[in-house]
Amino acid sequence: MTTQQARVQIVDGPSKWDLMLALFDSSNASPRAVNFKIDAAGKPQSFVVFISSVEREDGSGESWNINGRTAGNQAVCVYFSTKNRCGSLSLEKRN
């Protein structure tokens, strides 16, 4: 089995407050999801992520590297700017 990553653009996403709640106000028994709006072939589509970690991408306090999972338990890596609420989302695909 080989793995590859599908990368899509985020056109709108959660606020800093929503990210904080997803990380600090949730547990394994009661996870809190965040919604990213992605560009799926020119159509905006909602994409739900359960966040497991957030890392500062730089010192601005506006750029983030996020790791999480989908409801189907697929690994997700996200680069996201809370300043403009855009970024990119990579989803592991298995062949």
Protein backbone atom coordinates (compact mmCIF):
# COMPACT_ATOMS: atom_id res chain seq x y z
CA MET A 1 0.00 0.00 0.00
CA THR A 2 1.33 3.42 -0.94
CA THR A 3 0.38 6.75 0.56
CA GLN A 4 0.21 10.16 -1.05
CA GLN A 5 -1.10 13.51 0.03
CA ALA A 6 -3.91 15.49 -1.52
CA ARG A 7 -3.51 19.24 -0.93
CA VAL A 8 -6.40 21.69 -1.15
CA GLN A 9 -6.66 25.41 -0.50
CA ILE A 10 -8.51 26.73 2.56
CA VAL A 11 -10.63 29.74 1.62
CA ASP A 12 -12.14 30.35 5.07
CA GLY A 13 -11.59 28.86 8.49
CA PRO A 14 -11.97 29.13 12.24
CA SER A 15 -11.05 32.06 14.45
CA LYS A 16 -8.26 31.90 17.03
CA TRP A 17 -10.95 31.44 19.67
CA ASP A 18 -12.41 28.40 17.86
CA LEU A 19 -8.94 26.90 17.46
CA MET A 20 -8.23 27.43 21.14
CA LEU A 21 -11.49 25.78 22.19
CA ALA A 22 -10.85 22.82 19.89
CA LEU A 23 -7.45 22.28 21.48
CA PHE A 24 -8.06 23.12 25.14
CA ASP A 25 -11.79 22.57 25.69
CA SER A 26 -12.07 19.02 24.38
CA SER A 27 -11.04 15.50 25.29
CA ASN A 28 -10.74 12.12 23.58
CA ALA A 29 -14.21 11.25 24.86
CA SER A 30 -15.68 14.59 23.77
CA PRO A 31 -13.66 16.10 20.90
CA ARG A 32 -14.53 19.52 19.55
CA ALA A 33 -14.36 19.89 15.78
CA VAL A 34 -13.42 22.93 13.72
CA ASN A 35 -14.66 23.66 10.21
CA PHE A 36 -12.47 24.74 7.34
CA LYS A 37 -14.02 25.84 4.06
CA ILE A 38 -11.95 24.39 1.23
CA ASP A 39 -11.90 25.04 -2.50
CA ALA A 40 -13.01 21.75 -4.05
CA ALA A 41 -12.77 22.18 -7.83
CA GLY A 42 -13.99 25.77 -7.66
CA LYS A 43 -16.79 25.06 -5.17
CA PRO A 44 -16.45 25.96 -1.48
CA GLN A 45 -16.99 22.90 0.70
CA SER A 46 -16.97 22.41 4.47
CA PHE A 47 -14.24 20.17 5.91
CA VAL A 48 -14.35 19.05 9.56
CA VAL A 49 -11.12 18.50 11.51
CA PHE A 50 -10.54 17.27 15.07
CA ILE A 51 -7.34 19.02 16.20
CA SER A 52 -4.64 17.14 18.07
CA SER A 53 -1.85 19.75 18.00
CA VAL A 54 -1.11 23.34 17.01
CA GLU A 55 2.34 24.85 16.48
CA ARG A 56 3.34 28.43 15.72
CA GLU A 57 4.60 28.64 12.17
CA ASP A 58 6.43 31.92 12.83
CA GLY A 59 6.58 34.60 15.50
CA SER A 60 3.59 36.59 14.22
CA GLY A 61 0.97 34.82 16.33
CA GLU A 62 -1.15 34.55 13.16
CA SER A 63 0.39 31.56 11.28
CA TRP A 64 -0.17 28.00 12.48
CA ASN A 65 0.77 24.41 11.66
CA ILE A 66 -2.09 22.17 12.75
CA ASN A 67 -2.31 18.39 12.97
CA GLY A 68 -5.53 16.52 13.35
CA ARG A 69 -7.87 13.85 12.07
CA THR A 70 -11.08 13.62 10.09
CA ALA A 71 -14.20 11.88 11.39
CA GLY A 72 -13.00 8.91 9.29
CA ASN A 73 -9.69 8.95 11.25
CA GLN A 74 -7.51 10.15 8.34
CA ALA A 75 -4.48 12.23 9.25
CA VAL A 76 -4.70 15.92 8.30
CA CYS A 77 -1.93 18.54 8.24
CA VAL A 78 -2.94 22.18 7.94
CA TYR A 79 -1.10 25.44 7.41
CA PHE A 80 -3.49 28.21 8.45
CA SER A 81 -3.36 31.98 8.91
CA THR A 82 -5.82 33.36 11.44
CA LYS A 83 -5.15 36.84 10.06
CA ASN A 84 -6.75 36.16 6.67
CA ARG A 85 -8.32 32.78 7.52
CA CYS A 86 -6.71 31.08 4.53
CA GLY A 87 -4.14 28.36 4.08
CA SER A 88 -3.75 24.82 2.82
CA LEU A 89 -4.87 21.41 4.01
CA SER A 90 -3.11 18.11 3.22
CA LEU A 91 -5.01 14.86 3.60
CA GLU A 92 -3.27 11.50 3.49
CA LYS A 93 -4.68 9.25 0.80
CA ARG A 94 -4.06 5.50 0.76
CA ASN A 95 -3.87 3.52 -2.47
